[in-house]
Amino acid sequence: MVKCGLTSREVEIPEPGDFVVKAVEVRNASVLITRGKDRVICAFHNVCSHRASTVEWQEQGASSIFTCSYHVWTYDLDGKLRSVLAQANFPALDKAKCALTPIAYGVWNDLTFINLDPQPA
């Protein structure tokens, strides 16, 4: 079981579209934590599902989408793949299977905790 005690404060992402990126150095991982349009917090591996390039380079900010700069794959705040540049080059692409990889998280007293275990207990 792989656990991570990385925390973020919920107050860092008060509005829909606000995000923070946190490095998890012991796992060589980057985590994207954002507040969706529905005001729910989501956490994802900060890695494009196409070529594993970093999706968000800023440490904190606000955006309505996240775009990988490598092939310009664009993701919604909930991690779903929204669009692909030159989609004709990917005729069999199933966008539903190409979302950002979610990370388990929880919020307690303004702190957002993540767990990198793919199937946390």
C-alpha atoms as a PDB file:
ATOM      1  CA  MET A   1       0.000   0.000   0.000  1.00  0.00           C
ATOM      2  CA  VAL A   2       1.355   3.425  -0.985  1.00  0.00           C
ATOM      3  CA  LYS A   3       0.178   6.313   1.129  1.00  0.00           C
ATOM      4  CA  CYS A   4       1.119   9.935   0.956  1.00  0.00           C
ATOM      5  CA  GLY A   5       0.552  12.531   3.627  1.00  0.00           C
ATOM      6  CA  LEU A   6       0.717  15.469   1.217  1.00  0.00           C
ATOM      7  CA  THR A   7      -1.737  18.140   2.198  1.00  0.00           C
ATOM      8  CA  SER A   8      -3.121  21.262   0.667  1.00  0.00           C
ATOM      9  CA  ARG A   9      -5.425  23.775   2.252  1.00  0.00           C
ATOM     10  CA  GLU A  10      -8.936  23.941   0.891  1.00  0.00           C
ATOM     11  CA  VAL A  11      -8.761  27.736   1.157  1.00  0.00           C
ATOM     12  CA  GLU A  12      -6.064  27.682  -1.581  1.00  0.00           C
ATOM     13  CA  ILE A  13      -8.731  26.696  -4.110  1.00  0.00           C
ATOM     14  CA  PRO A  14     -11.886  28.561  -3.027  1.00  0.00           C
ATOM     15  CA  GLU A  15     -13.560  29.059  -6.427  1.00  0.00           C
ATOM     16  CA  PRO A  16     -14.392  26.767  -9.346  1.00  0.00           C
ATOM     17  CA  GLY A  17     -11.347  26.534 -11.605  1.00  0.00           C
ATOM     18  CA  ASP A  18      -8.837  27.333  -8.865  1.00  0.00           C
ATOM     19  CA  PHE A  19      -6.022  24.806  -8.651  1.00  0.00           C
ATOM     20  CA  VAL A  20      -2.727  23.981  -6.957  1.00  0.00           C
ATOM     21  CA  VAL A  21       0.026  21.667  -8.116  1.00  0.00           C
ATOM     22  CA  LYS A  22       1.978  19.800  -5.451  1.00  0.00           C
ATOM     23  CA  ALA A  23       5.144  17.786  -5.891  1.00  0.00           C
ATOM     24  CA  VAL A  24       5.396  14.430  -4.146  1.00  0.00           C
ATOM     25  CA  GLU A  25       9.156  14.054  -4.315  1.00  0.00           C
ATOM     26  CA  VAL A  26       9.353  10.655  -2.599  1.00  0.00           C
ATOM     27  CA  ARG A  27       7.181   9.199  -5.377  1.00  0.00           C
ATOM     28  CA  ASN A  28       8.493  11.426  -8.190  1.00  0.00           C
ATOM     29  CA  ALA A  29       4.927  12.552  -8.796  1.00  0.00           C
ATOM     30  CA  SER A  30       3.111  15.793  -9.473  1.00  0.00           C
ATOM     31  CA  VAL A  31      -0.449  16.196  -8.219  1.00  0.00           C
ATOM     32  CA  LEU A  32      -3.055  18.575  -9.623  1.00  0.00           C
ATOM     33  CA  ILE A  33      -5.749  19.534  -7.106  1.00  0.00           C
ATOM     34  CA  THR A  34      -8.637  21.599  -8.433  1.00  0.00           C
ATOM     35  CA  ARG A  35     -12.140  22.738  -7.582  1.00  0.00           C
ATOM     36  CA  GLY A  36     -14.677  21.793 -10.245  1.00  0.00           C
ATOM     37  CA  LYS A  37     -17.619  23.773 -11.567  1.00  0.00           C
ATOM     38  CA  ASP A  38     -19.779  21.881  -9.064  1.00  0.00           C
ATOM     39  CA  ARG A  39     -17.435  23.210  -6.293  1.00  0.00           C
ATOM     40  CA  VAL A  40     -16.203  19.663  -5.549  1.00  0.00           C
ATOM     41  CA  ILE A  41     -12.449  19.196  -5.111  1.00  0.00           C
ATOM     42  CA  CYS A  42     -10.713  16.717  -7.419  1.00  0.00           C
ATOM     43  CA  ALA A  43      -7.135  15.448  -7.413  1.00  0.00           C
ATOM     44  CA  PHE A  44      -5.294  13.984 -10.408  1.00  0.00           C
ATOM     45  CA  HIS A  45      -1.858  12.888 -11.454  1.00  0.00           C
ATOM     46  CA  ASN A  46      -0.541  15.940 -13.304  1.00  0.00           C
ATOM     47  CA  VAL A  47       0.242  13.821 -16.360  1.00  0.00           C
ATOM     48  CA  CYS A  48      -1.382  13.744 -19.791  1.00  0.00           C
ATOM     49  CA  SER A  49      -2.918  10.372 -20.611  1.00  0.00           C
ATOM     50  CA  HIS A  50      -1.437  10.461 -24.114  1.00  0.00           C
ATOM     51  CA  ARG A  51       2.347  10.891 -23.760  1.00  0.00           C
ATOM     52  CA  ALA A  52       2.744  11.370 -19.987  1.00  0.00           C
ATOM     53  CA  SER A  53       3.730  15.018 -20.346  1.00  0.00           C
ATOM     54  CA  THR A  54       3.015  17.483 -17.551  1.00  0.00           C
ATOM     55  CA  VAL A  55      -0.434  19.030 -17.938  1.00  0.00           C
ATOM     56  CA  GLU A  56      -0.206  22.062 -15.637  1.00  0.00           C
ATOM     57  CA  TRP A  57       3.122  23.837 -15.103  1.00  0.00           C
ATOM     58  CA  GLN A  58       1.990  26.628 -12.761  1.00  0.00           C
ATOM     59  CA  GLU A  59       2.043  25.927  -9.019  1.00  0.00           C
ATOM     60  CA  GLN A  60      -1.257  27.722  -8.457  1.00  0.00           C
ATOM     61  CA  GLY A  61      -3.845  29.551 -10.511  1.00  0.00           C
ATOM     62  CA  ALA A  62      -7.293  29.466 -12.037  1.00  0.00           C
ATOM     63  CA  SER A  63      -8.449  27.946 -15.308  1.00  0.00           C
ATOM     64  CA  SER A  64     -11.553  26.473 -16.884  1.00  0.00           C
ATOM     65  CA  ILE A  65      -9.479  23.770 -18.642  1.00  0.00           C
ATOM     66  CA  PHE A  66      -6.072  22.103 -18.451  1.00  0.00           C
ATOM     67  CA  THR A  67      -4.051  21.655 -21.633  1.00  0.00           C
ATOM     68  CA  CYS A  68      -1.035  19.470 -22.232  1.00  0.00           C
ATOM     69  CA  SER A  69       1.499  21.516 -24.178  1.00  0.00           C
ATOM     70  CA  TYR A  70       2.925  18.455 -25.979  1.00  0.00           C
ATOM     71  CA  HIS A  71      -0.013  17.545 -28.266  1.00  0.00           C
ATOM     72  CA  VAL A  72      -2.601  20.014 -26.937  1.00  0.00           C
ATOM     73  CA  TRP A  73      -4.927  17.490 -25.350  1.00  0.00           C
ATOM     74  CA  THR A  74      -7.421  19.478 -23.267  1.00  0.00           C
ATOM     75  CA  TYR A  75      -9.082  18.332 -20.056  1.00  0.00           C
ATOM     76  CA  ASP A  76     -12.078  19.645 -18.102  1.00  0.00           C
ATOM     77  CA  LEU A  77     -11.847  20.504 -14.412  1.00  0.00           C
ATOM     78  CA  ASP A  78     -13.243  17.038 -13.616  1.00  0.00           C
ATOM     79  CA  GLY A  79     -10.354  15.418 -15.525  1.00  0.00           C
ATOM     80  CA  LYS A  80     -12.350  14.304 -18.566  1.00  0.00           C
ATOM     81  CA  LEU A  81     -10.662  14.593 -21.943  1.00  0.00           C
ATOM     82  CA  ARG A  82     -12.446  17.454 -23.669  1.00  0.00           C
ATOM     83  CA  SER A  83     -10.660  17.808 -27.006  1.00  0.00           C
ATOM     84  CA  VAL A  84      -7.712  16.592 -29.023  1.00  0.00           C
ATOM     85  CA  LEU A  85      -5.883  18.688 -31.592  1.00  0.00           C
ATOM     86  CA  ALA A  86      -5.835  16.905 -34.966  1.00  0.00           C
ATOM     87  CA  GLN A  87      -8.344  14.337 -33.779  1.00  0.00           C
ATOM     88  CA  ALA A  88      -8.369  12.840 -37.286  1.00  0.00           C
ATOM     89  CA  ASN A  89      -4.968  11.363 -36.375  1.00  0.00           C
ATOM     90  CA  PHE A  90      -6.673   9.360 -33.601  1.00  0.00           C
ATOM     91  CA  PRO A  91      -9.661   7.719 -35.369  1.00  0.00           C
ATOM     92  CA  ALA A  92     -10.274   5.053 -32.707  1.00  0.00           C
ATOM     93  CA  LEU A  93      -9.751   7.327 -29.713  1.00  0.00           C
ATOM     94  CA  ASP A  94     -12.215   6.726 -26.888  1.00  0.00           C
ATOM     95  CA  LYS A  95     -12.133  10.021 -24.954  1.00  0.00           C
ATOM     96  CA  ALA A  96     -13.894   8.412 -21.984  1.00  0.00           C
ATOM     97  CA  LYS A  97     -10.868   6.154 -21.461  1.00  0.00           C
ATOM     98  CA  CYS A  98      -8.326   8.988 -21.707  1.00  0.00           C
ATOM     99  CA  ALA A  99      -9.179  11.115 -18.684  1.00  0.00           C
ATOM    100  CA  LEU A 100      -6.594  12.351 -16.219  1.00  0.00           C
ATOM    101  CA  THR A 101      -5.807   9.660 -13.661  1.00  0.00           C
ATOM    102  CA  PRO A 102      -7.689  10.463 -10.443  1.00  0.00           C
ATOM    103  CA  ILE A 103      -6.114  10.371  -7.000  1.00  0.00           C
ATOM    104  CA  ALA A 104      -8.030   9.528  -3.838  1.00  0.00           C
ATOM    105  CA  TYR A 105      -8.405  12.523  -1.556  1.00  0.00           C
ATOM    106  CA  GLY A 106     -10.277  13.682   1.486  1.00  0.00           C
ATOM    107  CA  VAL A 107     -10.930  17.001   3.180  1.00  0.00           C
ATOM    108  CA  TRP A 108     -10.760  17.468   6.925  1.00  0.00           C
ATOM    109  CA  ASN A 109     -10.783  20.844   8.707  1.00  0.00           C
ATOM    110  CA  ASP A 110      -9.678  22.780   5.593  1.00  0.00           C
ATOM    111  CA  LEU A 111      -6.892  20.293   4.793  1.00  0.00           C
ATOM    112  CA  THR A 112      -6.962  18.242   1.597  1.00  0.00           C
ATOM    113  CA  PHE A 113      -5.180  14.890   1.953  1.00  0.00           C
ATOM    114  CA  ILE A 114      -4.261  12.626  -0.934  1.00  0.00           C
ATOM    115  CA  ASN A 115      -3.512   8.934  -1.158  1.00  0.00           C
ATOM    116  CA  LEU A 116      -1.506   7.696  -4.139  1.00  0.00           C
ATOM    117  CA  ASP A 117      -2.546   4.091  -3.644  1.00  0.00           C
ATOM    118  CA  PRO A 118      -4.627   3.158  -6.754  1.00  0.00           C
ATOM    119  CA  GLN A 119      -7.098   1.308  -4.518  1.00  0.00           C
ATOM    120  CA  PRO A 120      -6.925   2.930  -1.067  1.00  0.00           C
ATOM    121  CA  ALA A 121      -8.468   1.127   1.886  1.00  0.00           C
END
